[in-house]
């Protein structure tokens, strides 16, 4: 049986030790403590609202890599949250945040999505998939009713917290076989997913990776993150990256130790630099640590189709002017897995080594702020609210 927890109930990412980073930046890069503190103070008050730990997270102490203007383009979490709230209509957020609503919406629009096997929730189900309203029903379904293998995750989860990948059910030991030969008792699995019951926990088909992806990084699913902006009447892909799993991780999220990010050239679909780790631990990776195959210059499978798929889907959500799509690289072609409200800005910034605050994004933010001011003014006068996205600001 598994000797360690088989799923994560929280994001397990160790915080950077700011004091240690300050000393390393002085010793390794010759940047005095006074210079570091002064720069951090300026950047914290700038558009990026960078916190001290974010200054070191992005390696902005390295003057050989970044000019001050380049550093000022990096956006911290505080700025990210403000931008998401400014540019994305709150009424649209539930479509992306609730996975069952998202899958139903995408299926209704004609997009292929993973097949749902069951929903563990007090009241919800999904099309023909049964709703499992208590622990006894879930245990019975796992023993006699589930299609194996499966992938499971919280309905409203983030960062791959609470996900599991299960190979099969072993009746003799009444346990579920996990990857790597581990097993967990059915009762143990039911207990582990109990914290997600109230908001819902879903079971779906486990997708198979495209053959070239499986040869590179193993059988685990990897996704491409595509960031889309809508400025006036123009929609464009702004950044893209490949989340590359390794080390047998159950998901490709960057916070999982060993996983990597590769920046994608938007025209060619080829990988530029591939990075692992952040701050003082950041390193460029030339070959995949599991397969030994080269990474830089590798072309993303079906890149043109990914571009077309994402831009077509993005048009269905005009209230979200900053979108971040996760596209699975499956053996049946690219599949839309998730829509994120803007997404975490750290991913494209780490992958490319450049800040996001460039002209297109700053223009979108300015237009959104102007629209929000008009909404407040119209609310006072009783005028209708202008739509978000798809119209030019007069």
Protein backbone atom coordinates (compact mmCIF):
# COMPACT_ATOMS: atom_id res chain seq x y z
CA UNK A 1 0.00 0.00 0.00
CA UNK A 2 1.04 3.62 -0.52
CA UNK A 3 3.32 4.80 2.27
CA UNK A 4 2.76 8.52 1.60
CA UNK A 5 -0.33 10.63 0.79
CA UNK A 6 -1.31 9.87 -2.79
CA UNK A 7 -2.93 13.25 -3.40
CA UNK A 8 -2.11 16.76 -2.28
CA UNK A 9 -4.66 18.64 -0.20
CA UNK A 10 -2.72 21.88 -0.72
CA UNK A 11 -0.14 23.37 -3.03
CA UNK A 12 3.22 22.20 -1.68
CA UNK A 13 5.56 24.95 -2.79
CA UNK A 14 8.25 26.02 -0.36
CA UNK A 15 8.50 29.83 -0.03
CA UNK A 16 11.72 31.52 -1.02
CA UNK A 17 14.05 32.45 1.83
CA UNK A 18 14.40 36.18 1.14
CA UNK A 19 17.34 36.65 3.54
CA UNK A 20 19.25 33.81 1.88
CA UNK A 21 18.46 35.18 -1.58
CA UNK A 22 19.76 38.61 -0.60
CA UNK A 23 23.10 37.16 0.46
CA UNK A 24 23.36 35.02 -2.70
CA UNK A 25 22.56 38.00 -4.93
CA UNK A 26 25.33 39.99 -3.26
CA UNK A 27 27.92 37.21 -3.40
CA UNK A 28 27.14 35.73 -6.81
CA UNK A 29 26.01 38.80 -8.75
CA UNK A 30 27.77 41.60 -6.89
CA UNK A 31 24.57 43.48 -6.15
CA UNK A 32 24.84 45.28 -2.82
CA UNK A 33 22.15 44.91 -0.18
CA UNK A 34 21.36 48.63 -0.46
CA UNK A 35 20.90 48.31 -4.24
CA UNK A 36 18.63 45.29 -3.83
CA UNK A 37 16.46 46.96 -1.21
CA UNK A 38 16.21 50.19 -3.20
CA UNK A 39 15.21 48.33 -6.36
CA UNK A 40 12.66 46.20 -4.52
CA UNK A 41 11.07 49.33 -3.06
CA UNK A 42 10.75 50.97 -6.48
CA UNK A 43 9.33 47.84 -8.10
CA UNK A 44 6.83 47.35 -5.29
CA UNK A 45 5.37 50.79 -6.03
CA UNK A 46 5.39 50.33 -9.81
CA UNK A 47 2.81 48.73 -12.08
CA UNK A 48 4.01 45.24 -11.19
CA UNK A 49 3.45 45.62 -7.42
CA UNK A 50 6.26 43.12 -6.84
CA UNK A 51 6.74 41.74 -3.36
CA UNK A 52 10.29 41.03 -2.10
CA UNK A 53 9.92 37.28 -2.61
CA UNK A 54 8.75 37.89 -6.20
CA UNK A 55 11.80 40.03 -6.89
CA UNK A 56 13.96 37.01 -6.07
CA UNK A 57 11.53 34.48 -7.57
CA UNK A 58 12.10 36.04 -11.00
CA UNK A 59 15.81 36.60 -10.47
CA UNK A 60 15.49 40.35 -10.97
CA UNK A 61 18.66 40.95 -8.96
CA UNK A 62 20.64 39.81 -12.01
CA UNK A 63 21.58 43.03 -13.80
CA UNK A 64 23.30 41.06 -16.57
CA UNK A 65 19.93 39.62 -17.61
CA UNK A 66 17.64 42.59 -17.07
CA UNK A 67 17.70 46.34 -17.41
CA UNK A 68 15.53 48.23 -14.94
CA UNK A 69 12.87 48.82 -17.64
CA UNK A 70 12.71 45.07 -18.28
CA UNK A 71 12.38 44.38 -14.56
CA UNK A 72 9.51 46.86 -14.33
CA UNK A 73 7.50 44.80 -16.84
CA UNK A 74 7.19 41.87 -14.46
CA UNK A 75 3.83 41.58 -12.73
CA UNK A 76 3.44 40.26 -9.20
CA UNK A 77 0.46 38.50 -7.65
CA UNK A 78 -1.06 41.71 -6.32
CA UNK A 79 -0.99 43.31 -9.76
CA UNK A 80 -2.25 40.08 -11.34
CA UNK A 81 -5.34 39.98 -9.13
CA UNK A 82 -6.15 43.63 -9.83
CA UNK A 83 -5.76 43.12 -13.58
CA UNK A 84 -7.99 40.04 -13.58
CA UNK A 85 -10.69 41.93 -11.69
CA UNK A 86 -10.38 44.97 -13.97
CA UNK A 87 -10.40 43.15 -17.31
CA UNK A 88 -12.74 40.21 -16.72
CA UNK A 89 -16.46 40.54 -16.04
CA UNK A 90 -17.24 38.81 -12.74
CA UNK A 91 -20.49 37.44 -14.18
CA UNK A 92 -18.43 35.19 -16.48
CA UNK A 93 -16.05 33.75 -13.89
CA UNK A 94 -18.19 30.75 -12.88
CA UNK A 95 -17.99 29.30 -16.40
CA UNK A 96 -14.27 28.81 -15.95
CA UNK A 97 -14.11 28.18 -12.20
CA UNK A 98 -16.65 25.34 -12.10
CA UNK A 99 -15.38 22.43 -14.22
CA UNK A 100 -18.80 20.84 -14.70
CA UNK A 101 -20.24 24.11 -15.97
CA UNK A 102 -17.20 24.53 -18.21
CA UNK A 103 -17.46 21.03 -19.69
CA UNK A 104 -21.19 21.43 -20.28
CA UNK A 105 -20.61 24.77 -21.99
CA UNK A 106 -17.84 23.41 -24.19
CA UNK A 107 -19.87 20.34 -25.16
CA UNK A 108 -22.79 22.60 -26.05
CA UNK A 109 -20.48 24.64 -28.28
CA UNK A 110 -19.34 21.47 -30.04
CA UNK A 111 -15.88 21.08 -28.51
CA UNK A 112 -14.51 17.69 -27.51
CA UNK A 113 -13.97 17.28 -23.76
CA UNK A 114 -12.97 14.37 -21.51
CA UNK A 115 -15.75 11.90 -20.77
CA UNK A 116 -17.13 12.26 -17.24
CA UNK A 117 -17.61 8.96 -15.37
CA UNK A 118 -19.17 10.19 -12.12
CA UNK A 119 -19.58 13.18 -9.81
CA UNK A 120 -19.11 12.88 -6.05
CA UNK A 121 -21.37 15.61 -4.63
CA UNK A 122 -24.46 15.87 -2.39
CA UNK A 123 -26.75 16.74 -5.31
CA UNK A 124 -25.00 17.14 -8.68
CA UNK A 125 -24.57 14.77 -11.59
CA UNK A 126 -23.49 15.28 -15.21
CA UNK A 127 -25.46 14.08 -18.23
CA UNK A 128 -25.47 10.26 -18.07
CA UNK A 129 -22.73 10.14 -15.43
CA UNK A 130 -24.12 9.21 -12.00
CA UNK A 131 -24.09 11.51 -9.02
CA UNK A 132 -22.61 9.85 -5.94
CA UNK A 133 -24.26 11.49 -2.94
CA UNK A 134 -22.39 9.82 -0.07
CA UNK A 135 -19.24 7.91 0.82
CA UNK A 136 -20.94 4.51 0.57
CA UNK A 137 -22.11 5.23 -2.98
CA UNK A 138 -18.61 6.31 -4.01
CA UNK A 139 -17.00 3.19 -2.54
CA UNK A 140 -19.54 0.94 -4.27
CA UNK A 141 -18.98 2.69 -7.60
CA UNK A 142 -15.21 2.33 -7.32
CA UNK A 143 -15.64 -1.40 -6.70
CA UNK A 144 -18.28 -2.07 -9.33
CA UNK A 145 -19.13 0.61 -11.88
CA UNK A 146 -16.03 2.71 -12.54
CA UNK A 147 -14.26 2.63 -15.89
CA UNK A 148 -10.52 2.20 -15.38
CA UNK A 149 -8.08 3.85 -15.70
CA UNK A 150 -9.45 7.20 -14.56
CA UNK A 151 -8.31 10.68 -13.60
CA UNK A 152 -10.09 12.54 -10.81
CA UNK A 153 -10.05 16.11 -9.54
CA UNK A 154 -12.07 18.69 -7.56
CA UNK A 155 -14.86 20.43 -9.47
CA UNK A 156 -13.62 23.84 -8.31
CA UNK A 157 -9.97 23.02 -7.74
CA UNK A 158 -6.79 24.86 -8.74
CA UNK A 159 -3.10 24.01 -9.11
CA UNK A 160 -3.86 20.26 -9.46
CA UNK A 161 -4.55 20.08 -5.72
CA UNK A 162 -6.57 16.93 -4.99
CA UNK A 163 -6.00 15.19 -8.32
CA UNK A 164 -5.44 11.44 -8.63
CA UNK A 165 -4.58 9.05 -11.43
CA UNK A 166 -5.78 5.48 -10.89
CA UNK A 167 -4.91 2.42 -12.97
CA UNK A 168 -7.30 -0.29 -11.79
CA UNK A 169 -9.28 -1.84 -8.96
CA UNK A 170 -7.85 -4.91 -7.20
CA UNK A 171 -10.73 -6.88 -5.70
CA UNK A 172 -8.53 -9.22 -3.70
CA UNK A 173 -7.05 -6.40 -1.63
CA UNK A 174 -10.04 -4.05 -2.11
CA UNK A 175 -7.63 -1.36 -3.25
CA UNK A 176 -6.93 0.98 -6.14
CA UNK A 177 -3.71 0.63 -8.12
CA UNK A 178 -1.86 3.90 -8.62
CA UNK A 179 1.06 4.67 -10.87
CA UNK A 180 4.46 3.33 -9.85
CA UNK A 181 3.03 0.18 -8.28
CA UNK A 182 1.50 1.86 -5.21
CA UNK A 183 -1.97 0.95 -3.96
CA UNK A 184 -4.50 2.68 -1.75
CA UNK A 185 -7.47 0.98 -0.04
CA UNK A 186 -10.87 1.98 -1.41
CA UNK A 187 -11.80 3.22 2.06
CA UNK A 188 -8.58 5.28 2.14
CA UNK A 189 -9.33 6.85 -1.23
CA UNK A 190 -12.87 7.78 -0.15
CA UNK A 191 -11.51 9.33 3.04
CA UNK A 192 -8.85 11.30 1.13
CA UNK A 193 -11.33 12.94 -1.27
CA UNK A 194 -13.87 13.74 1.48
CA UNK A 195 -12.65 17.37 1.87
CA UNK A 196 -13.74 18.04 -1.73
CA UNK A 197 -17.23 16.52 -1.39
CA UNK A 198 -19.19 19.72 -0.68
CA UNK A 199 -17.98 21.54 -3.79
CA UNK A 200 -17.79 18.34 -5.80
CA UNK A 201 -15.20 15.86 -7.00
CA UNK A 202 -15.35 14.47 -10.53
CA UNK A 203 -14.08 11.31 -12.19
CA UNK A 204 -13.22 11.35 -15.89
CA UNK A 205 -11.43 9.40 -18.56
CA UNK A 206 -7.67 9.40 -18.36
CA UNK A 207 -6.39 10.81 -21.62
CA UNK A 208 -3.49 9.25 -23.49
CA UNK A 209 -0.57 11.46 -24.54
CA UNK A 210 0.40 12.04 -28.15
CA UNK A 211 3.08 9.44 -29.05
CA UNK A 212 5.87 12.01 -29.50
CA UNK A 213 4.99 13.57 -26.14
CA UNK A 214 4.93 10.18 -24.39
CA UNK A 215 8.38 9.37 -25.79
CA UNK A 216 9.71 12.65 -24.46
CA UNK A 217 8.14 12.95 -21.00
CA UNK A 218 6.35 9.68 -20.25
CA UNK A 219 2.71 8.66 -20.17
CA UNK A 220 1.55 11.49 -17.88
CA UNK A 221 -0.55 14.15 -19.58
CA UNK A 222 1.10 17.46 -20.40
CA UNK A 223 -0.60 20.63 -21.52
CA UNK A 224 0.11 23.80 -23.42
CA UNK A 225 -0.92 27.06 -21.69
CA UNK A 226 -2.14 29.66 -24.19
CA UNK A 227 -2.83 33.22 -23.05
CA UNK A 228 -5.35 35.16 -25.16
CA UNK A 229 -6.11 38.90 -25.08
CA UNK A 230 -9.11 40.72 -26.54
CA UNK A 231 -8.39 44.38 -27.19
CA UNK A 232 -11.28 46.16 -28.89
CA UNK A 233 -12.25 44.06 -31.91
CA UNK A 234 -8.92 42.24 -32.00
CA UNK A 235 -8.24 38.89 -30.36
CA UNK A 236 -4.73 37.52 -30.23
CA UNK A 237 -2.58 34.86 -28.64
CA UNK A 238 -0.29 36.84 -26.35
CA UNK A 239 1.96 34.15 -24.83
CA UNK A 240 2.18 30.37 -24.93
CA UNK A 241 4.20 27.80 -23.03
CA UNK A 242 4.49 24.06 -22.59
CA UNK A 243 4.12 22.66 -19.08
CA UNK A 244 6.49 19.69 -19.20
CA UNK A 245 6.13 17.00 -16.52
CA UNK A 246 8.92 14.80 -15.18
CA UNK A 247 9.82 12.74 -12.14
CA UNK A 248 6.61 10.68 -12.37
CA UNK A 249 4.48 13.64 -11.23
CA UNK A 250 0.73 13.12 -11.38
CA UNK A 251 0.24 16.53 -13.04
CA UNK A 252 2.29 19.01 -15.03
CA UNK A 253 1.89 22.01 -12.73
CA UNK A 254 5.16 23.90 -12.35
CA UNK A 255 5.13 23.87 -8.55
CA UNK A 256 5.60 20.08 -8.56
CA UNK A 257 9.28 19.34 -8.11
CA UNK A 258 11.08 18.53 -11.34
CA UNK A 259 8.45 19.89 -13.74
CA UNK A 260 9.58 22.39 -16.36
CA UNK A 261 8.27 25.25 -18.50
CA UNK A 262 9.14 25.84 -22.11
CA UNK A 263 8.43 29.11 -23.94
CA UNK A 264 6.72 28.60 -27.32
CA UNK A 265 7.42 30.73 -30.38
CA UNK A 266 3.94 31.84 -31.46
CA UNK A 267 4.68 31.66 -35.19
CA UNK A 268 6.57 28.38 -35.46
CA UNK A 269 5.31 26.49 -32.42
CA UNK A 270 8.87 25.59 -31.43
CA UNK A 271 10.28 25.62 -27.93
CA UNK A 272 12.74 28.28 -26.98
CA UNK A 273 14.35 28.05 -23.57
CA UNK A 274 13.17 25.42 -21.09
CA UNK A 275 13.53 26.23 -17.39
CA UNK A 276 13.26 24.39 -14.10
CA UNK A 277 13.21 26.01 -10.67
CA UNK A 278 12.98 29.66 -9.67
CA UNK A 279 15.20 32.30 -8.08
CA UNK A 280 18.65 30.93 -7.17
CA UNK A 281 17.48 27.43 -8.15
CA UNK A 282 16.55 28.43 -11.71
CA UNK A 283 18.33 26.48 -14.42
CA UNK A 284 18.08 26.05 -18.18
CA UNK A 285 17.34 22.48 -19.23
CA UNK A 286 18.64 21.15 -22.54
CA UNK A 287 17.35 17.56 -22.40
CA UNK A 288 14.42 15.94 -20.64
CA UNK A 289 15.74 14.41 -17.39
CA UNK A 290 13.68 11.21 -17.82
CA UNK A 291 14.09 10.42 -21.52
CA UNK A 292 17.33 12.26 -22.31
CA UNK A 293 15.72 13.69 -25.46
CA UNK A 294 16.48 17.30 -26.47
CA UNK A 295 13.97 20.00 -25.57
CA UNK A 296 14.99 23.34 -27.11
CA UNK A 297 13.80 23.70 -30.69
CA UNK A 298 11.28 20.87 -30.39
CA UNK A 299 8.02 21.64 -32.18
CA UNK A 300 4.71 21.40 -30.32
CA UNK A 301 2.49 18.74 -31.96
CA UNK A 302 -0.39 20.20 -34.04
CA UNK A 303 0.53 23.79 -33.16
CA UNK A 304 -1.59 25.32 -35.93
CA UNK A 305 -4.60 23.34 -34.74
CA UNK A 306 -3.99 24.46 -31.16
CA UNK A 307 -3.95 28.09 -32.25
CA UNK A 308 -7.16 27.70 -34.23
CA UNK A 309 -8.88 25.72 -31.47
CA UNK A 310 -8.06 28.24 -28.76
CA UNK A 311 -9.00 31.34 -30.76
CA UNK A 312 -12.29 29.75 -31.84
CA UNK A 313 -13.17 28.81 -28.26
CA UNK A 314 -12.06 32.16 -26.87
CA UNK A 315 -14.61 34.02 -28.99
CA UNK A 316 -17.40 32.32 -27.04
CA UNK A 317 -16.39 34.16 -23.85
CA UNK A 318 -16.41 37.91 -24.66
CA UNK A 319 -16.75 38.85 -21.00
CA UNK A 320 -13.28 37.43 -20.33
CA UNK A 321 -10.78 39.63 -22.12
CA UNK A 322 -7.77 37.86 -20.59
CA UNK A 323 -8.02 34.09 -20.96
CA UNK A 324 -5.55 31.32 -20.24
CA UNK A 325 -6.36 27.97 -21.85
CA UNK A 326 -4.87 24.59 -20.98
CA UNK A 327 -4.74 22.36 -24.04
CA UNK A 328 -3.98 18.66 -23.60
CA UNK A 329 -1.60 17.06 -26.12
CA UNK A 330 -3.50 13.78 -26.60
CA UNK A 331 -3.13 10.87 -28.99
CA UNK A 332 -6.31 12.05 -30.70
CA UNK A 333 -5.05 15.62 -31.15
CA UNK A 334 -5.26 18.71 -28.95
CA UNK A 335 -8.15 18.93 -26.47
CA UNK A 336 -9.29 21.92 -24.43
CA UNK A 337 -9.04 20.95 -20.75
CA UNK A 338 -9.52 24.15 -18.79
CA UNK A 339 -10.17 27.87 -19.12
CA UNK A 340 -8.53 30.07 -16.51
CA UNK A 341 -9.51 33.63 -15.69
CA UNK A 342 -6.32 35.21 -16.97
CA UNK A 343 -4.20 32.47 -15.43
CA UNK A 344 -1.20 32.85 -13.16
CA UNK A 345 1.17 35.39 -14.69
CA UNK A 346 4.19 33.67 -13.18
CA UNK A 347 4.01 30.85 -15.76
CA UNK A 348 4.55 32.88 -18.96
CA UNK A 349 6.99 35.19 -17.17
CA UNK A 350 9.14 32.31 -15.89
CA UNK A 351 8.93 30.42 -19.19
CA UNK A 352 10.01 33.34 -21.36
CA UNK A 353 12.12 35.23 -18.83
CA UNK A 354 10.27 38.43 -19.76
CA UNK A 355 7.59 40.49 -18.03
CA UNK A 356 4.02 40.60 -19.33
CA UNK A 357 3.43 44.34 -19.10
CA UNK A 358 3.91 45.20 -22.75
CA UNK A 359 1.91 47.52 -24.99
CA UNK A 360 -0.97 45.17 -25.84
CA UNK A 361 -1.68 44.28 -22.24
CA UNK A 362 -1.33 47.86 -21.00
CA UNK A 363 -3.76 48.98 -23.74
CA UNK A 364 -6.29 46.35 -22.67
CA UNK A 365 -6.00 47.40 -19.03
CA UNK A 366 -6.52 51.07 -19.93
CA UNK A 367 -9.60 50.25 -22.04
CA UNK A 368 -11.03 48.09 -19.27
CA UNK A 369 -10.53 50.80 -16.67
CA UNK A 370 -12.26 53.32 -18.94
CA UNK A 371 -15.17 50.92 -19.41
CA UNK A 372 -15.48 50.34 -15.68
CA UNK A 373 -15.66 54.09 -15.10
CA UNK A 374 -18.46 54.30 -17.69
CA UNK A 375 -20.30 51.48 -15.93
CA UNK A 376 -20.28 53.42 -12.66
CA UNK A 377 -21.42 56.59 -14.41
CA UNK A 378 -24.15 54.74 -16.33
CA UNK A 379 -25.39 53.07 -13.14
CA UNK A 380 -26.02 56.50 -11.66
CA UNK A 381 -27.82 57.76 -14.76
CA UNK A 382 -29.68 54.53 -15.61
CA UNK A 383 -27.95 54.01 -18.96
CA UNK A 384 -27.21 50.44 -20.20
CA UNK A 385 -23.81 48.88 -19.54
CA UNK A 386 -21.54 48.57 -22.60
CA UNK A 387 -20.43 45.01 -23.44
CA UNK A 388 -16.99 43.83 -22.37
CA UNK A 389 -14.83 42.77 -25.32
CA UNK A 390 -15.61 42.92 -29.01
CA UNK A 391 -16.17 46.69 -29.18
CA UNK A 392 -13.80 49.56 -29.53
CA UNK A 393 -13.67 52.26 -26.92
CA UNK A 394 -14.81 55.55 -28.48
